[in-house]
Full PDB file with SEQRES, HELIX, SHEET, SSBOND, CRYST1, ORIGX, SCALE, CONECT and MASTER records, all heavy atoms in Angstrom:
SEQRES   1 A   38  PRO GLU TRP ILE ALA ALA GLY ALA VAL ALA VAL GLY MET          
SEQRES   2 A   38  GLY SER ALA LEU SER GLU GLY ASP ARG ASP THR VAL ALA          
SEQRES   3 A   38  LYS ARG ALA ALA ASP LEU LEU ALA ARG LEU ALA ASP              
HELIX    1 AA1 GLU A    2  ALA A    5  1                                   4    
HELIX    2 AA2 SER A   15  SER A   18  1                                   4    
HELIX    3 AA3 ARG A   22  ALA A   37  1                                  16    
CRYST1    1.000    1.000    1.000  90.00  90.00  90.00 P 1           1          
ORIGX1      1.000000  0.000000  0.000000        0.00000                         
ORIGX2      0.000000  1.000000  0.000000        0.00000                         
ORIGX3      0.000000  0.000000  1.000000        0.00000                         
SCALE1      1.000000  0.000000  0.000000        0.00000                         
SCALE2      0.000000  1.000000  0.000000        0.00000                         
SCALE3      0.000000  0.000000  1.000000        0.00000                         
ATOM      1  N   PRO A   1      14.317  -1.392 -12.706  1.00  0.00           N  
ATOM      2  CA  PRO A   1      14.163  -1.243 -14.160  1.00  0.00           C  
ATOM      3  C   PRO A   1      15.490  -1.369 -14.912  1.00  0.00           C  
ATOM      4  O   PRO A   1      15.502  -1.831 -16.063  1.00  0.00           O  
ATOM      5  CB  PRO A   1      13.570   0.164 -14.308  1.00  0.00           C  
ATOM      6  CG  PRO A   1      12.885   0.433 -13.009  1.00  0.00           C  
ATOM      7  CD  PRO A   1      13.783  -0.219 -11.990  1.00  0.00           C  
ATOM      8  N   GLU A   2      16.595  -0.988 -14.288  1.00  0.00           N  
ATOM      9  CA  GLU A   2      17.900  -1.118 -14.934  1.00  0.00           C  
ATOM     10  C   GLU A   2      18.245  -2.585 -15.162  1.00  0.00           C  
ATOM     11  O   GLU A   2      18.819  -2.947 -16.192  1.00  0.00           O  
ATOM     12  CB  GLU A   2      18.978  -0.444 -14.089  1.00  0.00           C  
ATOM     13  CG  GLU A   2      18.792   1.057 -13.909  1.00  0.00           C  
ATOM     14  CD  GLU A   2      19.848   1.655 -12.996  1.00  0.00           C  
ATOM     15  OE1 GLU A   2      20.913   1.008 -12.816  1.00  0.00           O  
ATOM     16  OE2 GLU A   2      19.625   2.752 -12.463  1.00  0.00           O  
ATOM     17  N   TRP A   3      17.916  -3.439 -14.197  1.00  0.00           N  
ATOM     18  CA  TRP A   3      18.168  -4.870 -14.347  1.00  0.00           C  
ATOM     19  C   TRP A   3      17.338  -5.446 -15.492  1.00  0.00           C  
ATOM     20  O   TRP A   3      17.831  -6.256 -16.284  1.00  0.00           O  
ATOM     21  CB  TRP A   3      17.844  -5.605 -13.052  1.00  0.00           C  
ATOM     22  CG  TRP A   3      18.809  -5.361 -11.928  1.00  0.00           C  
ATOM     23  CD1 TRP A   3      18.601  -4.602 -10.811  1.00  0.00           C  
ATOM     24  CD2 TRP A   3      20.129  -5.884 -11.800  1.00  0.00           C  
ATOM     25  NE1 TRP A   3      19.704  -4.616 -10.003  1.00  0.00           N  
ATOM     26  CE2 TRP A   3      20.667  -5.403 -10.579  1.00  0.00           C  
ATOM     27  CE3 TRP A   3      20.916  -6.724 -12.586  1.00  0.00           C  
ATOM     28  CZ2 TRP A   3      21.943  -5.724 -10.140  1.00  0.00           C  
ATOM     29  CZ3 TRP A   3      22.193  -7.053 -12.155  1.00  0.00           C  
ATOM     30  CH2 TRP A   3      22.703  -6.560 -10.944  1.00  0.00           C  
ATOM     31  N   ILE A   4      16.081  -5.025 -15.579  1.00  0.00           N  
ATOM     32  CA  ILE A   4      15.216  -5.523 -16.648  1.00  0.00           C  
ATOM     33  C   ILE A   4      15.724  -5.026 -18.001  1.00  0.00           C  
ATOM     34  O   ILE A   4      15.780  -5.783 -18.975  1.00  0.00           O  
ATOM     35  CB  ILE A   4      13.762  -5.084 -16.420  1.00  0.00           C  
ATOM     36  CG1 ILE A   4      13.229  -5.658 -15.090  1.00  0.00           C  
ATOM     37  CG2 ILE A   4      12.873  -5.524 -17.582  1.00  0.00           C  
ATOM     38  CD1 ILE A   4      13.270  -7.164 -14.992  1.00  0.00           C  
ATOM     39  N   ALA A   5      16.106  -3.768 -18.066  1.00  0.00           N  
ATOM     40  CA  ALA A   5      16.622  -3.212 -19.316  1.00  0.00           C  
ATOM     41  C   ALA A   5      17.896  -3.928 -19.755  1.00  0.00           C  
ATOM     42  O   ALA A   5      18.174  -4.033 -20.954  1.00  0.00           O  
ATOM     43  CB  ALA A   5      16.890  -1.720 -19.152  1.00  0.00           C  
ATOM     44  N   ALA A   6      18.658  -4.439 -18.777  1.00  0.00           N  
ATOM     45  CA  ALA A   6      19.904  -5.141 -19.083  1.00  0.00           C  
ATOM     46  C   ALA A   6      19.666  -6.563 -19.573  1.00  0.00           C  
ATOM     47  O   ALA A   6      20.595  -7.208 -20.061  1.00  0.00           O  
ATOM     48  CB  ALA A   6      20.805  -5.163 -17.859  1.00  0.00           C  
ATOM     49  N   GLY A   7      18.425  -7.054 -19.429  1.00  0.00           N  
ATOM     50  CA  GLY A   7      18.109  -8.383 -19.933  1.00  0.00           C  
ATOM     51  C   GLY A   7      17.637  -9.389 -18.909  1.00  0.00           C  
ATOM     52  O   GLY A   7      17.361 -10.541 -19.260  1.00  0.00           O  
ATOM     53  N   ALA A   8      17.516  -8.993 -17.641  1.00  0.00           N  
ATOM     54  CA  ALA A   8      16.971  -9.902 -16.636  1.00  0.00           C  
ATOM     55  C   ALA A   8      15.494 -10.154 -16.931  1.00  0.00           C  
ATOM     56  O   ALA A   8      14.787  -9.257 -17.394  1.00  0.00           O  
ATOM     57  CB  ALA A   8      17.125  -9.304 -15.238  1.00  0.00           C  
ATOM     58  N   VAL A   9      15.020 -11.371 -16.668  1.00  0.00           N  
ATOM     59  CA  VAL A   9      13.614 -11.676 -16.940  1.00  0.00           C  
ATOM     60  C   VAL A   9      12.705 -11.166 -15.827  1.00  0.00           C  
ATOM     61  O   VAL A   9      11.507 -10.953 -16.033  1.00  0.00           O  
ATOM     62  CB  VAL A   9      13.391 -13.182 -17.148  1.00  0.00           C  
ATOM     63  CG1 VAL A   9      14.113 -13.666 -18.388  1.00  0.00           C  
ATOM     64  CG2 VAL A   9      13.815 -13.991 -15.927  1.00  0.00           C  
ATOM     65  N   ALA A  10      13.268 -10.987 -14.638  1.00  0.00           N  
ATOM     66  CA  ALA A  10      12.505 -10.477 -13.492  1.00  0.00           C  
ATOM     67  C   ALA A  10      13.494 -10.127 -12.393  1.00  0.00           C  
ATOM     68  O   ALA A  10      14.701 -10.374 -12.526  1.00  0.00           O  
ATOM     69  CB  ALA A  10      11.498 -11.504 -12.991  1.00  0.00           C  
ATOM     70  N   VAL A  11      12.994  -9.536 -11.321  1.00  0.00           N  
ATOM     71  CA  VAL A  11      13.805  -9.269 -10.135  1.00  0.00           C  
ATOM     72  C   VAL A  11      13.055  -9.765  -8.909  1.00  0.00           C  
ATOM     73  O   VAL A  11      11.822  -9.853  -8.908  1.00  0.00           O  
ATOM     74  CB  VAL A  11      14.120  -7.760  -9.968  1.00  0.00           C  
ATOM     75  CG1 VAL A  11      15.000  -7.263 -11.094  1.00  0.00           C  
ATOM     76  CG2 VAL A  11      12.834  -6.933  -9.873  1.00  0.00           C  
ATOM     77  N   GLY A  12      13.804 -10.100  -7.875  1.00  0.00           N  
ATOM     78  CA  GLY A  12      13.204 -10.434  -6.596  1.00  0.00           C  
ATOM     79  C   GLY A  12      13.463  -9.293  -5.630  1.00  0.00           C  
ATOM     80  O   GLY A  12      14.585  -8.782  -5.562  1.00  0.00           O  
ATOM     81  N   MET A  13      12.429  -8.895  -4.886  1.00  0.00           N  
ATOM     82  CA  MET A  13      12.575  -7.752  -3.980  1.00  0.00           C  
ATOM     83  C   MET A  13      11.924  -8.041  -2.632  1.00  0.00           C  
ATOM     84  O   MET A  13      10.820  -8.599  -2.570  1.00  0.00           O  
ATOM     85  CB  MET A  13      11.944  -6.504  -4.599  1.00  0.00           C  
ATOM     86  CG  MET A  13      12.620  -6.029  -5.870  1.00  0.00           C  
ATOM     87  SD  MET A  13      11.858  -4.543  -6.576  1.00  0.00           S  
ATOM     88  CE  MET A  13      12.182  -3.349  -5.257  1.00  0.00           C  
ATOM     89  N   GLY A  14      12.604  -7.632  -1.569  1.00  0.00           N  
ATOM     90  CA  GLY A  14      12.085  -7.818  -0.228  1.00  0.00           C  
ATOM     91  C   GLY A  14      11.567  -6.524   0.369  1.00  0.00           C  
ATOM     92  O   GLY A  14      10.609  -5.943  -0.105  1.00  0.00           O  
ATOM     93  N   SER A  15      12.257  -6.047   1.417  1.00  0.00           N  
ATOM     94  CA  SER A  15      11.784  -4.870   2.145  1.00  0.00           C  
ATOM     95  C   SER A  15      11.748  -3.620   1.277  1.00  0.00           C  
ATOM     96  O   SER A  15      10.969  -2.699   1.537  1.00  0.00           O  
ATOM     97  CB  SER A  15      12.663  -4.621   3.376  1.00  0.00           C  
ATOM     98  OG  SER A  15      14.015  -4.424   3.000  1.00  0.00           O  
ATOM     99  N   ALA A  16      12.586  -3.561   0.248  1.00  0.00           N  
ATOM    100  CA  ALA A  16      12.570  -2.393  -0.635  1.00  0.00           C  
ATOM    101  C   ALA A  16      11.210  -2.217  -1.298  1.00  0.00           C  
ATOM    102  O   ALA A  16      10.859  -1.111  -1.710  1.00  0.00           O  
ATOM    103  CB  ALA A  16      13.647  -2.530  -1.710  1.00  0.00           C  
ATOM    104  N   LEU A  17      10.464  -3.292  -1.381  1.00  0.00           N  
ATOM    105  CA  LEU A  17       9.128  -3.238  -1.973  1.00  0.00           C  
ATOM    106  C   LEU A  17       8.036  -3.168  -0.917  1.00  0.00           C  
ATOM    107  O   LEU A  17       7.016  -2.507  -1.111  1.00  0.00           O  
ATOM    108  CB  LEU A  17       8.912  -4.477  -2.850  1.00  0.00           C  
ATOM    109  CG  LEU A  17       7.588  -4.600  -3.593  1.00  0.00           C  
ATOM    110  CD1 LEU A  17       7.374  -3.422  -4.541  1.00  0.00           C  
ATOM    111  CD2 LEU A  17       7.548  -5.914  -4.375  1.00  0.00           C  
ATOM    112  N   SER A  18       8.250  -3.832   0.222  1.00  0.00           N  
ATOM    113  CA  SER A  18       7.158  -4.026   1.177  1.00  0.00           C  
ATOM    114  C   SER A  18       7.134  -3.059   2.355  1.00  0.00           C  
ATOM    115  O   SER A  18       6.166  -3.045   3.122  1.00  0.00           O  
ATOM    116  CB  SER A  18       7.211  -5.460   1.726  1.00  0.00           C  
ATOM    117  OG  SER A  18       8.417  -5.685   2.431  1.00  0.00           O  
ATOM    118  N   GLU A  19       8.168  -2.246   2.535  1.00  0.00           N  
ATOM    119  CA  GLU A  19       8.184  -1.339   3.693  1.00  0.00           C  
ATOM    120  C   GLU A  19       7.110  -0.259   3.574  1.00  0.00           C  
ATOM    121  O   GLU A  19       6.850   0.251   2.484  1.00  0.00           O  
ATOM    122  CB  GLU A  19       9.549  -0.669   3.823  1.00  0.00           C  
ATOM    123  CG  GLU A  19      10.616  -1.566   4.420  1.00  0.00           C  
ATOM    124  CD  GLU A  19      11.926  -0.827   4.621  1.00  0.00           C  
ATOM    125  OE1 GLU A  19      12.142   0.204   3.957  1.00  0.00           O  
ATOM    126  OE2 GLU A  19      12.734  -1.294   5.441  1.00  0.00           O  
ATOM    127  N   GLY A  20       6.501   0.092   4.692  1.00  0.00           N  
ATOM    128  CA  GLY A  20       5.521   1.171   4.712  1.00  0.00           C  
ATOM    129  C   GLY A  20       4.099   0.683   4.901  1.00  0.00           C  
ATOM    130  O   GLY A  20       3.840  -0.518   4.981  1.00  0.00           O  
ATOM    131  N   ASP A  21       3.171   1.644   4.978  1.00  0.00           N  
ATOM    132  CA  ASP A  21       1.763   1.280   5.140  1.00  0.00           C  
ATOM    133  C   ASP A  21       1.169   0.874   3.794  1.00  0.00           C  
ATOM    134  O   ASP A  21       1.834   0.901   2.757  1.00  0.00           O  
ATOM    135  CB  ASP A  21       0.973   2.431   5.771  1.00  0.00           C  
ATOM    136  CG  ASP A  21       1.050   3.721   4.948  1.00  0.00           C  
ATOM    137  OD1 ASP A  21       1.251   3.646   3.714  1.00  0.00           O  
ATOM    138  OD2 ASP A  21       0.899   4.803   5.538  1.00  0.00           O  
ATOM    139  N   ARG A  22      -0.112   0.511   3.809  1.00  0.00           N  
ATOM    140  CA  ARG A  22      -0.750  -0.007   2.601  1.00  0.00           C  
ATOM    141  C   ARG A  22      -0.722   0.999   1.452  1.00  0.00           C  
ATOM    142  O   ARG A  22      -0.450   0.630   0.306  1.00  0.00           O  
ATOM    143  CB  ARG A  22      -2.204  -0.405   2.905  1.00  0.00           C  
ATOM    144  CG  ARG A  22      -2.332  -1.726   3.628  1.00  0.00           C  
ATOM    145  CD  ARG A  22      -3.783  -2.063   3.908  1.00  0.00           C  
ATOM    146  NE  ARG A  22      -3.911  -3.362   4.519  1.00  0.00           N  
ATOM    147  CZ  ARG A  22      -4.087  -4.503   3.863  1.00  0.00           C  
ATOM    148  NH1 ARG A  22      -4.170  -4.479   2.536  1.00  0.00           N  
ATOM    149  NH2 ARG A  22      -4.207  -5.653   4.489  1.00  0.00           N  
ATOM    150  N   ASP A  23      -1.018   2.242   1.752  1.00  0.00           N  
ATOM    151  CA  ASP A  23      -1.046   3.250   0.688  1.00  0.00           C  
ATOM    152  C   ASP A  23       0.346   3.436   0.073  1.00  0.00           C  
ATOM    153  O   ASP A  23       0.486   3.547  -1.144  1.00  0.00           O  
ATOM    154  CB  ASP A  23      -1.561   4.588   1.225  1.00  0.00           C  
ATOM    155  CG  ASP A  23      -3.052   4.554   1.527  1.00  0.00           C  
ATOM    156  OD1 ASP A  23      -3.736   3.652   1.005  1.00  0.00           O  
ATOM    157  OD2 ASP A  23      -3.525   5.425   2.274  1.00  0.00           O  
ATOM    158  N   THR A  24       1.353   3.469   0.932  1.00  0.00           N  
ATOM    159  CA  THR A  24       2.725   3.646   0.447  1.00  0.00           C  
ATOM    160  C   THR A  24       3.139   2.486  -0.441  1.00  0.00           C  
ATOM    161  O   THR A  24       3.700   2.680  -1.526  1.00  0.00           O  
ATOM    162  CB  THR A  24       3.698   3.758   1.631  1.00  0.00           C  
ATOM    163  OG1 THR A  24       3.344   4.902   2.421  1.00  0.00           O  
ATOM    164  CG2 THR A  24       5.135   3.897   1.145  1.00  0.00           C  
ATOM    165  N   VAL A  25       2.852   1.266   0.017  1.00  0.00           N  
ATOM    166  CA  VAL A  25       3.229   0.078  -0.746  1.00  0.00           C  
ATOM    167  C   VAL A  25       2.450   0.014  -2.056  1.00  0.00           C  
ATOM    168  O   VAL A  25       3.002  -0.341  -3.105  1.00  0.00           O  
ATOM    169  CB  VAL A  25       3.010  -1.201   0.087  1.00  0.00           C  
ATOM    170  CG1 VAL A  25       3.286  -2.441  -0.752  1.00  0.00           C  
ATOM    171  CG2 VAL A  25       3.909  -1.192   1.319  1.00  0.00           C  
ATOM    172  N   ALA A  26       1.165   0.374  -2.011  1.00  0.00           N  
ATOM    173  CA  ALA A  26       0.344   0.341  -3.221  1.00  0.00           C  
ATOM    174  C   ALA A  26       0.879   1.307  -4.275  1.00  0.00           C  
ATOM    175  O   ALA A  26       0.990   0.959  -5.465  1.00  0.00           O  
ATOM    176  CB  ALA A  26      -1.102   0.684  -2.879  1.00  0.00           C  
ATOM    177  N   LYS A  27       1.232   2.508  -3.867  1.00  0.00           N  
ATOM    178  CA  LYS A  27       1.767   3.495  -4.810  1.00  0.00           C  
ATOM    179  C   LYS A  27       3.118   3.045  -5.352  1.00  0.00           C  
ATOM    180  O   LYS A  27       3.407   3.185  -6.543  1.00  0.00           O  
ATOM    181  CB  LYS A  27       1.885   4.858  -4.123  1.00  0.00           C  
ATOM    182  CG  LYS A  27       0.546   5.498  -3.780  1.00  0.00           C  
ATOM    183  CD  LYS A  27       0.727   6.806  -3.021  1.00  0.00           C  
ATOM    184  CE  LYS A  27      -0.615   7.418  -2.651  1.00  0.00           C  
ATOM    185  NZ  LYS A  27      -0.455   8.664  -1.844  1.00  0.00           N  
ATOM    186  N   ARG A  28       3.952   2.515  -4.467  1.00  0.00           N  
ATOM    187  CA  ARG A  28       5.273   2.052  -4.883  1.00  0.00           C  
ATOM    188  C   ARG A  28       5.147   0.906  -5.880  1.00  0.00           C  
ATOM    189  O   ARG A  28       5.842   0.868  -6.905  1.00  0.00           O  
ATOM    190  CB  ARG A  28       6.066   1.591  -3.661  1.00  0.00           C  
ATOM    191  CG  ARG A  28       7.480   1.127  -3.993  1.00  0.00           C  
ATOM    192  CD  ARG A  28       8.167   0.553  -2.768  1.00  0.00           C  
ATOM    193  NE  ARG A  28       8.282   1.540  -1.710  1.00  0.00           N  
ATOM    194  CZ  ARG A  28       7.923   1.335  -0.451  1.00  0.00           C  
ATOM    195  NH1 ARG A  28       7.430   0.156  -0.080  1.00  0.00           N  
ATOM    196  NH2 ARG A  28       8.055   2.277   0.457  1.00  0.00           N  
ATOM    197  N   ALA A  29       4.263  -0.030  -5.590  1.00  0.00           N  
ATOM    198  CA  ALA A  29       4.092  -1.190  -6.468  1.00  0.00           C  
ATOM    199  C   ALA A  29       3.554  -0.781  -7.836  1.00  0.00           C  
ATOM    200  O   ALA A  29       4.042  -1.252  -8.874  1.00  0.00           O  
ATOM    201  CB  ALA A  29       3.159  -2.214  -5.819  1.00  0.00           C  
ATOM    202  N   ALA A  30       2.572   0.089  -7.862  1.00  0.00           N  
ATOM    203  CA  ALA A  30       1.992   0.522  -9.136  1.00  0.00           C  
ATOM    204  C   ALA A  30       3.034   1.227  -9.995  1.00  0.00           C  
ATOM    205  O   ALA A  30       3.140   0.981 -11.207  1.00  0.00           O  
ATOM    206  CB  ALA A  30       0.800   1.437  -8.879  1.00  0.00           C  
ATOM    207  N   ASP A  31       3.812   2.098  -9.368  1.00  0.00           N  
ATOM    208  CA  ASP A  31       4.857   2.810 -10.095  1.00  0.00           C  
ATOM    209  C   ASP A  31       5.924   1.846 -10.607  1.00  0.00           C  
ATOM    210  O   ASP A  31       6.373   1.938 -11.760  1.00  0.00           O  
ATOM    211  CB  ASP A  31       5.485   3.859  -9.182  1.00  0.00           C  
ATOM    212  CG  ASP A  31       6.660   4.577  -9.844  1.00  0.00           C  
ATOM    213  OD1 ASP A  31       6.431   5.330 -10.806  1.00  0.00           O  
ATOM    214  OD2 ASP A  31       7.807   4.364  -9.400  1.00  0.00           O  
ATOM    215  N   LEU A  32       6.315   0.892  -9.755  1.00  0.00           N  
ATOM    216  CA  LEU A  32       7.351  -0.058 -10.138  1.00  0.00           C  
ATOM    217  C   LEU A  32       6.896  -0.937 -11.297  1.00  0.00           C  
ATOM    218  O   LEU A  32       7.645  -1.142 -12.258  1.00  0.00           O  
ATOM    219  CB  LEU A  32       7.722  -0.935  -8.945  1.00  0.00           C  
ATOM    220  CG  LEU A  32       8.757  -2.033  -9.232  1.00  0.00           C  
ATOM    221  CD1 LEU A  32      10.083  -1.432  -9.648  1.00  0.00           C  
ATOM    222  CD2 LEU A  32       8.924  -2.937  -8.013  1.00  0.00           C  
ATOM    223  N   LEU A  33       5.685  -1.453 -11.222  1.00  0.00           N  
ATOM    224  CA  LEU A  33       5.197  -2.337 -12.279  1.00  0.00           C  
ATOM    225  C   LEU A  33       5.166  -1.618 -13.623  1.00  0.00           C  
ATOM    226  O   LEU A  33       5.508  -2.199 -14.660  1.00  0.00           O  
ATOM    227  CB  LEU A  33       3.808  -2.870 -11.922  1.00  0.00           C  
ATOM    228  CG  LEU A  33       3.754  -3.840 -10.735  1.00  0.00           C  
ATOM    229  CD1 LEU A  33       2.306  -4.200 -10.420  1.00  0.00           C  
ATOM    230  CD2 LEU A  33       4.564  -5.104 -11.014  1.00  0.00           C  
ATOM    231  N   ALA A  34       4.772  -0.365 -13.611  1.00  0.00           N  
ATOM    232  CA  ALA A  34       4.737   0.409 -14.861  1.00  0.00           C  
ATOM    233  C   ALA A  34       6.141   0.613 -15.406  1.00  0.00           C  
ATOM    234  O   ALA A  34       6.380   0.475 -16.620  1.00  0.00           O  
ATOM    235  CB  ALA A  34       4.054   1.752 -14.619  1.00  0.00           C  
ATOM    236  N   ARG A  35       7.091   0.923 -14.522  1.00  0.00           N  
ATOM    237  CA  ARG A  35       8.460   1.180 -14.986  1.00  0.00           C  
ATOM    238  C   ARG A  35       9.154  -0.104 -15.446  1.00  0.00           C  
ATOM    239  O   ARG A  35       9.965  -0.083 -16.373  1.00  0.00           O  
ATOM    240  CB  ARG A  35       9.265   1.870 -13.890  1.00  0.00           C  
ATOM    241  CG  ARG A  35       8.803   3.317 -13.653  1.00  0.00           C  
ATOM    242  CD  ARG A  35       9.754   4.098 -12.785  1.00  0.00           C  
ATOM    243  NE  ARG A  35       9.823   3.569 -11.442  1.00  0.00           N  
ATOM    244  CZ  ARG A  35      10.932   3.141 -10.856  1.00  0.00           C  
ATOM    245  NH1 ARG A  35      12.081   3.177 -11.518  1.00  0.00           N  
ATOM    246  NH2 ARG A  35      10.914   2.693  -9.620  1.00  0.00           N  
ATOM    247  N   LEU A  36       8.823  -1.232 -14.827  1.00  0.00           N  
ATOM    248  CA  LEU A  36       9.396  -2.503 -15.260  1.00  0.00           C  
ATOM    249  C   LEU A  36       8.887  -2.872 -16.658  1.00  0.00           C  
ATOM    250  O   LEU A  36       9.656  -3.348 -17.502  1.00  0.00           O  
ATOM    251  CB  LEU A  36       9.047  -3.613 -14.268  1.00  0.00           C  
ATOM    252  CG  LEU A  36       9.704  -3.535 -12.887  1.00  0.00           C  
ATOM    253  CD1 LEU A  36       9.250  -4.704 -12.027  1.00  0.00           C  
ATOM    254  CD2 LEU A  36      11.221  -3.512 -12.992  1.00  0.00           C  
ATOM    255  N   ALA A  37       7.601  -2.664 -16.890  1.00  0.00           N  
ATOM    256  CA  ALA A  37       7.036  -2.962 -18.211  1.00  0.00           C  
ATOM    257  C   ALA A  37       7.685  -2.092 -19.281  1.00  0.00           C  
ATOM    258  O   ALA A  37       7.980  -2.558 -20.389  1.00  0.00           O  
ATOM    259  CB  ALA A  37       5.526  -2.761 -18.189  1.00  0.00           C  
ATOM    260  N   ASP A  38       7.923  -0.831 -18.953  1.00  0.00           N  
ATOM    261  CA  ASP A  38       8.547   0.084 -19.920  1.00  0.00           C  
ATOM    262  C   ASP A  38      10.012  -0.260 -20.166  1.00  0.00           C  
ATOM    263  O   ASP A  38      10.558   0.081 -21.223  1.00  0.00           O  
ATOM    264  CB  ASP A  38       8.456   1.524 -19.417  1.00  0.00           C  
ATOM    265  CG  ASP A  38       7.025   2.068 -19.451  1.00  0.00           C  
ATOM    266  OD1 ASP A  38       6.192   1.488 -20.181  1.00  0.00           O  
ATOM    267  OD2 ASP A  38       6.759   3.056 -18.743  1.00  0.00           O  
TER     268      ASP A  38                                                      
MASTER        0    0    0    3    0    0    0    6  267    1    0    3          
END                                                                             
């Protein structure tokens, strides 16, 4: 979110986004998408 707030149009993310089981990744992704939009 700091990168987006600074003016980046998007970010690319690897293991920081995808590590963990399905539930963990789903919660992480939902939280991240909301914070990026904000």
